[in-house]
Amino acid sequence: MDTNDSLRVASLWHSMHAISQQLSPTTGCSEIELLEADTFDLHIFQSLTGTKLFVVCEPGTQHMEALLKVVYELYTDYVLNNPFYETKIPIRCELFDINLTQAIQKDRVALLGR
């Protein structure tokens, strides 16, 4: 996905996530955490501060919640501590990108057993 597509998906998902608790027929239901489709799964992680991270992956991919927690830790370590970062804009931080790539590769290796 390019940046515009990512922003559109994030905007749509944010809206769905925000109203899901009000629409639920079950009392005490929390927000949507997973959307399963035929061709992809969309997982979301919301931090205590309200920051939402999501990942689009192949259907049935395991351990995405743990990966999203790692991504949030990287976000707090490299993005929020970056004095040049401005909130509500796409993240442009080289150290975050490098460490994110390493975390994803590490997770992929652990999943594949290689």
PDB file of N, CA and C in Angstrom:
ATOM      1  N   MET A   1       0.835  -1.181   0.000  1.00  0.00           N
ATOM      2  CA  MET A   1       0.000   0.000   0.000  1.00  0.00           C
ATOM      3  C   MET A   1       0.877   1.241   0.000  1.00  0.00           C
ATOM      4  N   ASP A   2       0.457   2.249  -0.726  1.00  0.00           N
ATOM      5  CA  ASP A   2       1.180   3.512  -0.664  1.00  0.00           C
ATOM      6  C   ASP A   2       0.670   4.304   0.541  1.00  0.00           C
ATOM      7  N   THR A   3       1.256   5.462   0.789  1.00  0.00           N
ATOM      8  CA  THR A   3       0.925   6.257   1.967  1.00  0.00           C
ATOM      9  C   THR A   3      -0.545   6.656   1.987  1.00  0.00           C
ATOM     10  N   ASN A   4      -1.083   7.076   0.848  1.00  0.00           N
ATOM     11  CA  ASN A   4      -2.487   7.480   0.804  1.00  0.00           C
ATOM     12  C   ASN A   4      -3.425   6.319   1.121  1.00  0.00           C
ATOM     13  N   ASP A   5      -3.140   5.141   0.579  1.00  0.00           N
ATOM     14  CA  ASP A   5      -3.966   3.973   0.878  1.00  0.00           C
ATOM     15  C   ASP A   5      -3.891   3.627   2.360  1.00  0.00           C
ATOM     16  N   SER A   6      -2.703   3.706   2.924  1.00  0.00           N
ATOM     17  CA  SER A   6      -2.532   3.430   4.354  1.00  0.00           C
ATOM     18  C   SER A   6      -3.331   4.407   5.198  1.00  0.00           C
ATOM     19  N   LEU A   7      -3.301   5.678   4.828  1.00  0.00           N
ATOM     20  CA  LEU A   7      -4.060   6.684   5.573  1.00  0.00           C
ATOM     21  C   LEU A   7      -5.565   6.456   5.454  1.00  0.00           C
ATOM     22  N   ARG A   8      -6.031   6.048   4.282  1.00  0.00           N
ATOM     23  CA  ARG A   8      -7.460   5.758   4.101  1.00  0.00           C
ATOM     24  C   ARG A   8      -7.890   4.567   4.950  1.00  0.00           C
ATOM     25  N   VAL A   9      -7.102   3.507   4.932  1.00  0.00           N
ATOM     26  CA  VAL A   9      -7.433   2.323   5.730  1.00  0.00           C
ATOM     27  C   VAL A   9      -7.411   2.671   7.211  1.00  0.00           C
ATOM     28  N   ALA A  10      -6.404   3.423   7.635  1.00  0.00           N
ATOM     29  CA  ALA A  10      -6.303   3.807   9.044  1.00  0.00           C
ATOM     30  C   ALA A  10      -7.491   4.665   9.464  1.00  0.00           C
ATOM     31  N   SER A  11      -7.895   5.580   8.617  1.00  0.00           N
ATOM     32  CA  SER A  11      -9.032   6.445   8.933  1.00  0.00           C
ATOM     33  C   SER A  11     -10.321   5.641   9.051  1.00  0.00           C
ATOM     34  N   LEU A  12     -10.552   4.757   8.105  1.00  0.00           N
ATOM     35  CA  LEU A  12     -11.740   3.917   8.139  1.00  0.00           C
ATOM     36  C   LEU A  12     -11.722   3.004   9.362  1.00  0.00           C
ATOM     37  N   TRP A  13     -10.590   2.385   9.609  1.00  0.00           N
ATOM     38  CA  TRP A  13     -10.478   1.457  10.729  1.00  0.00           C
ATOM     39  C   TRP A  13     -10.642   2.182  12.056  1.00  0.00           C
ATOM     40  N   HIS A  14     -10.097   3.385  12.159  1.00  0.00           N
ATOM     41  CA  HIS A  14     -10.238   4.174  13.390  1.00  0.00           C
ATOM     42  C   HIS A  14     -11.713   4.427  13.674  1.00  0.00           C
ATOM     43  N   SER A  15     -12.466   4.793  12.653  1.00  0.00           N
ATOM     44  CA  SER A  15     -13.898   5.053  12.832  1.00  0.00           C
ATOM     45  C   SER A  15     -14.638   3.790  13.254  1.00  0.00           C
ATOM     46  N   MET A  16     -14.367   2.684  12.577  1.00  0.00           N
ATOM     47  CA  MET A  16     -15.024   1.415  12.928  1.00  0.00           C
ATOM     48  C   MET A  16     -14.662   1.001  14.354  1.00  0.00           C
ATOM     49  N   HIS A  17     -13.418   1.149  14.704  1.00  0.00           N
ATOM     50  CA  HIS A  17     -12.924   0.775  16.022  1.00  0.00           C
ATOM     51  C   HIS A  17     -13.582   1.628  17.103  1.00  0.00           C
ATOM     52  N   ALA A  18     -13.744   2.905  16.824  1.00  0.00           N
ATOM     53  CA  ALA A  18     -14.280   3.831  17.813  1.00  0.00           C
ATOM     54  C   ALA A  18     -15.763   3.588  18.103  1.00  0.00           C
ATOM     55  N   ILE A  19     -16.534   3.196  17.091  1.00  0.00           N
ATOM     56  CA  ILE A  19     -17.973   3.025  17.304  1.00  0.00           C
ATOM     57  C   ILE A  19     -18.389   1.586  17.597  1.00  0.00           C
ATOM     58  N   SER A  20     -17.475   0.656  17.504  1.00  0.00           N
ATOM     59  CA  SER A  20     -17.834  -0.757  17.666  1.00  0.00           C
ATOM     60  C   SER A  20     -18.395  -1.073  19.044  1.00  0.00           C
ATOM     61  N   GLN A  21     -17.895  -0.431  20.074  1.00  0.00           N
ATOM     62  CA  GLN A  21     -18.383  -0.706  21.421  1.00  0.00           C
ATOM     63  C   GLN A  21     -19.836  -0.272  21.567  1.00  0.00           C
ATOM     64  N   GLN A  22     -20.185   0.840  20.942  1.00  0.00           N
ATOM     65  CA  GLN A  22     -21.558   1.337  21.027  1.00  0.00           C
ATOM     66  C   GLN A  22     -22.529   0.473  20.226  1.00  0.00           C
ATOM     67  N   LEU A  23     -22.049  -0.155  19.167  1.00  0.00           N
ATOM     68  CA  LEU A  23     -22.911  -0.965  18.307  1.00  0.00           C
ATOM     69  C   LEU A  23     -23.077  -2.403  18.789  1.00  0.00           C
ATOM     70  N   SER A  24     -22.216  -2.827  19.689  1.00  0.00           N
ATOM     71  CA  SER A  24     -22.234  -4.218  20.124  1.00  0.00           C
ATOM     72  C   SER A  24     -23.516  -4.541  20.884  1.00  0.00           C
ATOM     73  N   PRO A  25     -24.139  -5.676  20.557  1.00  0.00           N
ATOM     74  CA  PRO A  25     -25.331  -6.088  21.297  1.00  0.00           C
ATOM     75  C   PRO A  25     -24.989  -6.645  22.682  1.00  0.00           C
ATOM     76  N   THR A  26     -23.714  -6.896  22.925  1.00  0.00           N
ATOM     77  CA  THR A  26     -23.253  -7.454  24.189  1.00  0.00           C
ATOM     78  C   THR A  26     -22.721  -6.342  25.079  1.00  0.00           C
ATOM     79  N   THR A  27     -23.208  -6.240  26.295  1.00  0.00           N
ATOM     80  CA  THR A  27     -22.702  -5.216  27.206  1.00  0.00           C
ATOM     81  C   THR A  27     -21.299  -5.581  27.655  1.00  0.00           C
ATOM     82  N   GLY A  28     -20.467  -4.570  27.852  1.00  0.00           N
ATOM     83  CA  GLY A  28     -19.096  -4.783  28.285  1.00  0.00           C
ATOM     84  C   GLY A  28     -18.153  -5.183  27.171  1.00  0.00           C
ATOM     85  N   CYS A  29     -18.628  -5.177  25.944  1.00  0.00           N
ATOM     86  CA  CYS A  29     -17.786  -5.543  24.806  1.00  0.00           C
ATOM     87  C   CYS A  29     -16.792  -4.420  24.522  1.00  0.00           C
ATOM     88  N   SER A  30     -15.564  -4.782  24.262  1.00  0.00           N
ATOM     89  CA  SER A  30     -14.555  -3.779  23.934  1.00  0.00           C
ATOM     90  C   SER A  30     -14.543  -3.546  22.425  1.00  0.00           C
ATOM     91  N   GLU A  31     -13.610  -2.738  21.976  1.00  0.00           N
ATOM     92  CA  GLU A  31     -13.516  -2.392  20.560  1.00  0.00           C
ATOM     93  C   GLU A  31     -13.094  -3.595  19.714  1.00  0.00           C
ATOM     94  N   ILE A  32     -13.213  -3.435  18.402  1.00  0.00           N
ATOM     95  CA  ILE A  32     -12.779  -4.466  17.462  1.00  0.00           C
ATOM     96  C   ILE A  32     -11.256  -4.600  17.552  1.00  0.00           C
ATOM     97  N   GLU A  33     -10.767  -5.818  17.635  1.00  0.00           N
ATOM     98  CA  GLU A  33      -9.331  -6.064  17.661  1.00  0.00           C
ATOM     99  C   GLU A  33      -8.849  -6.808  16.427  1.00  0.00           C
ATOM    100  N   LEU A  34      -9.780  -7.463  15.727  1.00  0.00           N
ATOM    101  CA  LEU A  34      -9.415  -8.265  14.563  1.00  0.00           C
ATOM    102  C   LEU A  34     -10.555  -8.251  13.559  1.00  0.00           C
ATOM    103  N   LEU A  35     -10.206  -7.998  12.322  1.00  0.00           N
ATOM    104  CA  LEU A  35     -11.153  -8.102  11.211  1.00  0.00           C
ATOM    105  C   LEU A  35     -10.618  -9.193  10.295  1.00  0.00           C
ATOM    106  N   GLU A  36     -11.408 -10.261  10.141  1.00  0.00           N
ATOM    107  CA  GLU A  36     -11.000 -11.377   9.294  1.00  0.00           C
ATOM    108  C   GLU A  36     -11.763 -11.309   7.979  1.00  0.00           C
ATOM    109  N   ALA A  37     -11.031 -11.304   6.883  1.00  0.00           N
ATOM    110  CA  ALA A  37     -11.623 -11.312   5.552  1.00  0.00           C
ATOM    111  C   ALA A  37     -11.112 -12.550   4.814  1.00  0.00           C
ATOM    112  N   ASP A  38     -11.610 -12.767   3.614  1.00  0.00           N
ATOM    113  CA  ASP A  38     -11.176 -13.931   2.834  1.00  0.00           C
ATOM    114  C   ASP A  38      -9.708 -13.852   2.452  1.00  0.00           C
ATOM    115  N   THR A  39      -9.229 -12.647   2.146  1.00  0.00           N
ATOM    116  CA  THR A  39      -7.874 -12.506   1.609  1.00  0.00           C
ATOM    117  C   THR A  39      -6.887 -11.867   2.568  1.00  0.00           C
ATOM    118  N   PHE A  40      -7.340 -11.372   3.726  1.00  0.00           N
ATOM    119  CA  PHE A  40      -6.431 -10.739   4.681  1.00  0.00           C
ATOM    120  C   PHE A  40      -7.061 -10.703   6.071  1.00  0.00           C
ATOM    121  N   ASP A  41      -6.214 -10.511   7.073  1.00  0.00           N
ATOM    122  CA  ASP A  41      -6.640 -10.223   8.445  1.00  0.00           C
ATOM    123  C   ASP A  41      -6.117  -8.846   8.795  1.00  0.00           C
ATOM    124  N   LEU A  42      -6.894  -8.082   9.545  1.00  0.00           N
ATOM    125  CA  LEU A  42      -6.490  -6.760   9.987  1.00  0.00           C
ATOM    126  C   LEU A  42      -6.531  -6.765  11.505  1.00  0.00           C
ATOM    127  N   HIS A  43      -5.361  -6.692  12.141  1.00  0.00           N
ATOM    128  CA  HIS A  43      -5.236  -6.689  13.598  1.00  0.00           C
ATOM    129  C   HIS A  43      -4.984  -5.265  14.071  1.00  0.00           C
ATOM    130  N   ILE A  44      -5.496  -4.937  15.252  1.00  0.00           N
ATOM    131  CA  ILE A  44      -5.268  -3.614  15.816  1.00  0.00           C
ATOM    132  C   ILE A  44      -4.804  -3.744  17.260  1.00  0.00           C
ATOM    133  N   PHE A  45      -3.940  -2.824  17.654  1.00  0.00           N
ATOM    134  CA  PHE A  45      -3.478  -2.713  19.033  1.00  0.00           C
ATOM    135  C   PHE A  45      -3.696  -1.277  19.460  1.00  0.00           C
ATOM    136  N   GLN A  46      -4.392  -1.093  20.586  1.00  0.00           N
ATOM    137  CA  GLN A  46      -4.570   0.249  21.129  1.00  0.00           C
ATOM    138  C   GLN A  46      -3.839   0.324  22.448  1.00  0.00           C
ATOM    139  N   SER A  47      -2.930   1.299  22.558  1.00  0.00           N
ATOM    140  CA  SER A  47      -2.166   1.464  23.790  1.00  0.00           C
ATOM    141  C   SER A  47      -3.010   2.174  24.842  1.00  0.00           C
ATOM    142  N   LEU A  48      -2.508   2.229  26.050  1.00  0.00           N
ATOM    143  CA  LEU A  48      -3.217   2.925  27.121  1.00  0.00           C
ATOM    144  C   LEU A  48      -3.336   4.419  26.837  1.00  0.00           C
ATOM    145  N   THR A  49      -2.444   4.949  26.008  1.00  0.00           N
ATOM    146  CA  THR A  49      -2.493   6.370  25.663  1.00  0.00           C
ATOM    147  C   THR A  49      -3.440   6.654  24.509  1.00  0.00           C
ATOM    148  N   GLY A  50      -4.019   5.601  23.916  1.00  0.00           N
ATOM    149  CA  GLY A  50      -4.955   5.780  22.817  1.00  0.00           C
ATOM    150  C   GLY A  50      -4.335   5.633  21.438  1.00  0.00           C
ATOM    151  N   THR A  51      -3.022   5.463  21.364  1.00  0.00           N
ATOM    152  CA  THR A  51      -2.367   5.254  20.077  1.00  0.00           C
ATOM    153  C   THR A  51      -2.809   3.915  19.513  1.00  0.00           C
ATOM    154  N   LYS A  52      -3.201   3.922  18.238  1.00  0.00           N
ATOM    155  CA  LYS A  52      -3.646   2.696  17.587  1.00  0.00           C
ATOM    156  C   LYS A  52      -2.657   2.315  16.496  1.00  0.00           C
ATOM    157  N   LEU A  53      -2.268   1.047  16.504  1.00  0.00           N
ATOM    158  CA  LEU A  53      -1.414   0.485  15.461  1.00  0.00           C
ATOM    159  C   LEU A  53      -2.177  -0.671  14.831  1.00  0.00           C
ATOM    160  N   PHE A  54      -2.051  -0.809  13.524  1.00  0.00           N
ATOM    161  CA  PHE A  54      -2.694  -1.945  12.889  1.00  0.00           C
ATOM    162  C   PHE A  54      -1.751  -2.577  11.890  1.00  0.00           C
ATOM    163  N   VAL A  55      -2.033  -3.861  11.620  1.00  0.00           N
ATOM    164  CA  VAL A  55      -1.242  -4.613  10.655  1.00  0.00           C
ATOM    165  C   VAL A  55      -2.195  -5.415   9.778  1.00  0.00           C
ATOM    166  N   VAL A  56      -1.905  -5.409   8.492  1.00  0.00           N
ATOM    167  CA  VAL A  56      -2.633  -6.221   7.532  1.00  0.00           C
ATOM    168  C   VAL A  56      -1.755  -7.421   7.225  1.00  0.00           C
ATOM    169  N   CYS A  57      -2.297  -8.626   7.360  1.00  0.00           N
ATOM    170  CA  CYS A  57      -1.495  -9.832   7.152  1.00  0.00           C
ATOM    171  C   CYS A  57      -2.334 -10.906   6.470  1.00  0.00           C
ATOM    172  N   GLU A  58      -1.695 -12.000   6.141  1.00  0.00           N
ATOM    173  CA  GLU A  58      -2.381 -13.127   5.526  1.00  0.00           C
ATOM    174  C   GLU A  58      -3.349 -13.738   6.531  1.00  0.00           C
ATOM    175  N   PRO A  59      -4.456 -14.289   6.036  1.00  0.00           N
ATOM    176  CA  PRO A  59      -5.435 -14.895   6.954  1.00  0.00           C
ATOM    177  C   PRO A  59      -4.798 -15.975   7.825  1.00  0.00           C
ATOM    178  N   GLY A  60      -5.142 -15.951   9.106  1.00  0.00           N
ATOM    179  CA  GLY A  60      -4.668 -16.970  10.034  1.00  0.00           C
ATOM    180  C   GLY A  60      -3.266 -16.764  10.564  1.00  0.00           C
ATOM    181  N   THR A  61      -2.613 -15.666  10.237  1.00  0.00           N
ATOM    182  CA  THR A  61      -1.265 -15.412  10.741  1.00  0.00           C
ATOM    183  C   THR A  61      -1.313 -15.283  12.258  1.00  0.00           C
ATOM    184  N   GLN A  62      -0.431 -16.010  12.926  1.00  0.00           N
ATOM    185  CA  GLN A  62      -0.411 -16.059  14.384  1.00  0.00           C
ATOM    186  C   GLN A  62       0.497 -14.981  14.985  1.00  0.00           C
ATOM    187  N   HIS A  63       0.280 -14.677  16.247  1.00  0.00           N
ATOM    188  CA  HIS A  63       1.151 -13.835  17.076  1.00  0.00           C
ATOM    189  C   HIS A  63       1.208 -12.373  16.636  1.00  0.00           C
ATOM    190  N   MET A  64       0.202 -11.897  15.958  1.00  0.00           N
ATOM    191  CA  MET A  64       0.214 -10.494  15.527  1.00  0.00           C
ATOM    192  C   MET A  64       0.048  -9.544  16.703  1.00  0.00           C
ATOM    193  N   GLU A  65      -0.661  -9.962  17.747  1.00  0.00           N
ATOM    194  CA  GLU A  65      -0.827  -9.109  18.920  1.00  0.00           C
ATOM    195  C   GLU A  65       0.532  -8.844  19.574  1.00  0.00           C
ATOM    196  N   ALA A  66       1.344  -9.885  19.697  1.00  0.00           N
ATOM    197  CA  ALA A  66       2.667  -9.733  20.291  1.00  0.00           C
ATOM    198  C   ALA A  66       3.555  -8.858  19.410  1.00  0.00           C
ATOM    199  N   LEU A  67       3.474  -9.045  18.100  1.00  0.00           N
ATOM    200  CA  LEU A  67       4.266  -8.225  17.185  1.00  0.00           C
ATOM    201  C   LEU A  67       3.844  -6.759  17.283  1.00  0.00           C
ATOM    202  N   LEU A  68       2.547  -6.502  17.384  1.00  0.00           N
ATOM    203  CA  LEU A  68       2.082  -5.123  17.502  1.00  0.00           C
ATOM    204  C   LEU A  68       2.557  -4.474  18.796  1.00  0.00           C
ATOM    205  N   LYS A  69       2.668  -5.245  19.861  1.00  0.00           N
ATOM    206  CA  LYS A  69       3.206  -4.704  21.118  1.00  0.00           C
ATOM    207  C   LYS A  69       4.682  -4.340  20.954  1.00  0.00           C
ATOM    208  N   VAL A  70       5.429  -5.168  20.233  1.00  0.00           N
ATOM    209  CA  VAL A  70       6.833  -4.855  19.952  1.00  0.00           C
ATOM    210  C   VAL A  70       6.931  -3.590  19.105  1.00  0.00           C
ATOM    211  N   VAL A  71       6.065  -3.474  18.105  1.00  0.00           N
ATOM    212  CA  VAL A  71       6.056  -2.285  17.247  1.00  0.00           C
ATOM    213  C   VAL A  71       5.755  -1.046  18.092  1.00  0.00           C
ATOM    214  N   TYR A  72       4.830  -1.152  19.034  1.00  0.00           N
ATOM    215  CA  TYR A  72       4.521  -0.007  19.898  1.00  0.00           C
ATOM    216  C   TYR A  72       5.728   0.369  20.744  1.00  0.00           C
ATOM    217  N   GLU A  73       6.437  -0.624  21.261  1.00  0.00           N
ATOM    218  CA  GLU A  73       7.652  -0.332  22.037  1.00  0.00           C
ATOM    219  C   GLU A  73       8.682   0.398  21.171  1.00  0.00           C
ATOM    220  N   LEU A  74       8.852  -0.046  19.931  1.00  0.00           N
ATOM    221  CA  LEU A  74       9.760   0.634  19.012  1.00  0.00           C
ATOM    222  C   LEU A  74       9.285   2.050  18.726  1.00  0.00           C
ATOM    223  N   TYR A  75       7.985   2.221  18.581  1.00  0.00           N
ATOM    224  CA  TYR A  75       7.400   3.540  18.347  1.00  0.00           C
ATOM    225  C   TYR A  75       7.720   4.486  19.503  1.00  0.00           C
ATOM    226  N   THR A  76       7.549   3.997  20.731  1.00  0.00           N
ATOM    227  CA  THR A  76       7.840   4.862  21.880  1.00  0.00           C
ATOM    228  C   THR A  76       9.329   5.139  22.005  1.00  0.00           C
ATOM    229  N   ASP A  77      10.157   4.150  21.691  1.00  0.00           N
ATOM    230  CA  ASP A  77      11.612   4.329  21.814  1.00  0.00           C
ATOM    231  C   ASP A  77      12.189   5.256  20.751  1.00  0.00           C
ATOM    232  N   TYR A  78      11.755   5.106  19.511  1.00  0.00           N
ATOM    233  CA  TYR A  78      12.414   5.823  18.417  1.00  0.00           C
ATOM    234  C   TYR A  78      11.615   6.992  17.842  1.00  0.00           C
ATOM    235  N   VAL A  79      10.320   6.891  17.827  1.00  0.00           N
ATOM    236  CA  VAL A  79       9.519   7.957  17.217  1.00  0.00           C
ATOM    237  C   VAL A  79       9.196   9.038  18.236  1.00  0.00           C
ATOM    238  N   LEU A  80       8.633   8.642  19.368  1.00  0.00           N
ATOM    239  CA  LEU A  80       8.243   9.651  20.351  1.00  0.00           C
ATOM    240  C   LEU A  80       9.438  10.363  20.972  1.00  0.00           C
ATOM    241  N   ASN A  81      10.579   9.703  20.996  1.00  0.00           N
ATOM    242  CA  ASN A  81      11.781  10.348  21.533  1.00  0.00           C
ATOM    243  C   ASN A  81      12.531  11.170  20.493  1.00  0.00           C
ATOM    244  N   ASN A  82      12.040  11.170  19.256  1.00  0.00           N
ATOM    245  CA  ASN A  82      12.651  11.943  18.178  1.00  0.00           C
ATOM    246  C   ASN A  82      12.153  13.391  18.270  1.00  0.00           C
ATOM    247  N   PRO A  83      13.045  14.354  18.505  1.00  0.00           N
ATOM    248  CA  PRO A  83      12.598  15.748  18.660  1.00  0.00           C
ATOM    249  C   PRO A  83      12.021  16.344  17.378  1.00  0.00           C
ATOM    250  N   PHE A  84      12.259  15.725  16.231  1.00  0.00           N
ATOM    251  CA  PHE A  84      11.758  16.255  14.965  1.00  0.00           C
ATOM    252  C   PHE A  84      10.418  15.636  14.553  1.00  0.00           C
ATOM    253  N   TYR A  85       9.936  14.663  15.315  1.00  0.00           N
ATOM    254  CA  TYR A  85       8.679  14.011  14.972  1.00  0.00           C
ATOM    255  C   TYR A  85       7.505  14.909  15.335  1.00  0.00           C
ATOM    256  N   GLU A  86       6.545  14.994  14.418  1.00  0.00           N
ATOM    257  CA  GLU A  86       5.307  15.721  14.657  1.00  0.00           C
ATOM    258  C   GLU A  86       4.162  14.715  14.660  1.00  0.00           C
ATOM    259  N   THR A  87       3.308  14.798  15.665  1.00  0.00           N
ATOM    260  CA  THR A  87       2.188  13.862  15.743  1.00  0.00           C
ATOM    261  C   THR A  87       1.219  14.092  14.593  1.00  0.00           C
ATOM    262  N   LYS A  88       0.466  13.058  14.302  1.00  0.00           N
ATOM    263  CA  LYS A  88      -0.574  13.071  13.268  1.00  0.00           C
ATOM    264  C   LYS A  88      -0.046  13.231  11.851  1.00  0.00           C
ATOM    265  N   ILE A  89       1.218  12.898  11.631  1.00  0.00           N
ATOM    266  CA  ILE A  89       1.771  12.836  10.283  1.00  0.00           C
ATOM    267  C   ILE A  89       2.404  11.457  10.121  1.00  0.00           C
ATOM    268  N   PRO A  90       2.567  10.979   8.898  1.00  0.00           N
ATOM    269  CA  PRO A  90       3.230   9.678   8.718  1.00  0.00           C
ATOM    270  C   PRO A  90       4.621   9.664   9.354  1.00  0.00           C
ATOM    271  N   ILE A  91       4.993   8.534   9.902  1.00  0.00           N
ATOM    272  CA  ILE A  91       6.274   8.399  10.590  1.00  0.00           C
ATOM    273  C   ILE A  91       7.401   8.359   9.572  1.00  0.00           C
ATOM    274  N   ARG A  92       8.369   9.234   9.748  1.00  0.00           N
ATOM    275  CA  ARG A  92       9.565   9.269   8.913  1.00  0.00           C
ATOM    276  C   ARG A  92      10.772   9.296   9.850  1.00  0.00           C
ATOM    277  N   CYS A  93      11.158   8.101  10.311  1.00  0.00           N
ATOM    278  CA  CYS A  93      12.251   7.979  11.273  1.00  0.00           C
ATOM    279  C   CYS A  93      13.085   6.759  10.887  1.00  0.00           C
ATOM    280  N   GLU A  94      14.306   6.995  10.478  1.00  0.00           N
ATOM    281  CA  GLU A  94      15.157   5.918   9.965  1.00  0.00           C
ATOM    282  C   GLU A  94      15.424   4.837  11.010  1.00  0.00           C
ATOM    283  N   LEU A  95      15.716   5.235  12.258  1.00  0.00           N
ATOM    284  CA  LEU A  95      15.983   4.238  13.297  1.00  0.00           C
ATOM    285  C   LEU A  95      14.754   3.372  13.572  1.00  0.00           C
ATOM    286  N   PHE A  96      13.591   3.977  13.538  1.00  0.00           N
ATOM    287  CA  PHE A  96      12.355   3.206  13.705  1.00  0.00           C
ATOM    288  C   PHE A  96      12.212   2.210  12.567  1.00  0.00           C
ATOM    289  N   ASP A  97      12.432   2.659  11.331  1.00  0.00           N
ATOM    290  CA  ASP A  97      12.306   1.778  10.164  1.00  0.00           C
ATOM    291  C   ASP A  97      13.268   0.600  10.243  1.00  0.00           C
ATOM    292  N   ILE A  98      14.507   0.865  10.612  1.00  0.00           N
ATOM    293  CA  ILE A  98      15.521  -0.186  10.703  1.00  0.00           C
ATOM    294  C   ILE A  98      15.127  -1.220  11.761  1.00  0.00           C
ATOM    295  N   ASN A  99      14.753  -0.739  12.953  1.00  0.00           N
ATOM    296  CA  ASN A  99      14.406  -1.654  14.043  1.00  0.00           C
ATOM    297  C   ASN A  99      13.083  -2.370  13.783  1.00  0.00           C
ATOM    298  N   LEU A 100      12.167  -1.723  13.093  1.00  0.00           N
ATOM    299  CA  LEU A 100      10.907  -2.367  12.723  1.00  0.00           C
ATOM    300  C   LEU A 100      11.170  -3.513  11.750  1.00  0.00           C
ATOM    301  N   THR A 101      12.008  -3.274  10.767  1.00  0.00           N
ATOM    302  CA  THR A 101      12.366  -4.319   9.804  1.00  0.00           C
ATOM    303  C   THR A 101      13.010  -5.503  10.517  1.00  0.00           C
ATOM    304  N   GLN A 102      13.907  -5.230  11.460  1.00  0.00           N
ATOM    305  CA  GLN A 102      14.554  -6.308  12.209  1.00  0.00           C
ATOM    306  C   GLN A 102      13.548  -7.093  13.044  1.00  0.00           C
ATOM    307  N   ALA A 103      12.606  -6.392  13.678  1.00  0.00           N
ATOM    308  CA  ALA A 103      11.596  -7.072  14.504  1.00  0.00           C
ATOM    309  C   ALA A 103      10.708  -7.958  13.654  1.00  0.00           C
ATOM    310  N   ILE A 104      10.324  -7.476  12.487  1.00  0.00           N
ATOM    311  CA  ILE A 104       9.469  -8.266  11.600  1.00  0.00           C
ATOM    312  C   ILE A 104      10.219  -9.490  11.089  1.00  0.00           C
ATOM    313  N   GLN A 105      11.484  -9.310  10.717  1.00  0.00           N
ATOM    314  CA  GLN A 105      12.281 -10.450  10.257  1.00  0.00           C
ATOM    315  C   GLN A 105      12.482 -11.461  11.373  1.00  0.00           C
ATOM    316  N   LYS A 106      12.721 -10.987  12.578  1.00  0.00           N
ATOM    317  CA  LYS A 106      12.899 -11.876  13.727  1.00  0.00           C
ATOM    318  C   LYS A 106      11.615 -12.659  13.986  1.00  0.00           C
ATOM    319  N   ASP A 107      10.465 -11.971  13.924  1.00  0.00           N
ATOM    320  CA  ASP A 107       9.180 -12.628  14.126  1.00  0.00           C
ATOM    321  C   ASP A 107       8.922 -13.649  13.026  1.00  0.00           C
ATOM    322  N   ARG A 108       9.252 -13.293  11.805  1.00  0.00           N
ATOM    323  CA  ARG A 108       9.057 -14.206  10.669  1.00  0.00           C
ATOM    324  C   ARG A 108       9.920 -15.460  10.831  1.00  0.00           C
ATOM    325  N   VAL A 109      11.159 -15.289  11.243  1.00  0.00           N
ATOM    326  CA  VAL A 109      12.057 -16.430  11.458  1.00  0.00           C
ATOM    327  C   VAL A 109      11.509 -17.315  12.566  1.00  0.00           C
ATOM    328  N   ALA A 110      11.011 -16.704  13.643  1.00  0.00           N
ATOM    329  CA  ALA A 110      10.455 -17.500  14.758  1.00  0.00           C
ATOM    330  C   ALA A 110       9.209 -18.270  14.290  1.00  0.00           C
ATOM    331  N   LEU A 111       8.383 -17.654  13.470  1.00  0.00           N
ATOM    332  CA  LEU A 111       7.187 -18.330  12.982  1.00  0.00           C
ATOM    333  C   LEU A 111       7.505 -19.467  12.032  1.00  0.00           C
ATOM    334  N   LEU A 112       8.509 -19.262  11.187  1.00  0.00           N
ATOM    335  CA  LEU A 112       8.873 -20.284  10.214  1.00  0.00           C
ATOM    336  C   LEU A 112       9.811 -21.334  10.773  1.00  0.00           C
ATOM    337  N   GLY A 113      10.358 -21.074  11.965  1.00  0.00           N
ATOM    338  CA  GLY A 113      11.261 -22.028  12.586  1.00  0.00           C
ATOM    339  C   GLY A 113      12.610 -22.098  11.921  1.00  0.00           C
ATOM    340  N   ARG A 114      13.038 -20.971  11.328  1.00  0.00           N
ATOM    341  CA  ARG A 114      14.343 -20.950  10.659  1.00  0.00           C
ATOM    342  C   ARG A 114      15.249 -19.959  11.325  1.00  0.00           C
TER     343      ARG A 114
END
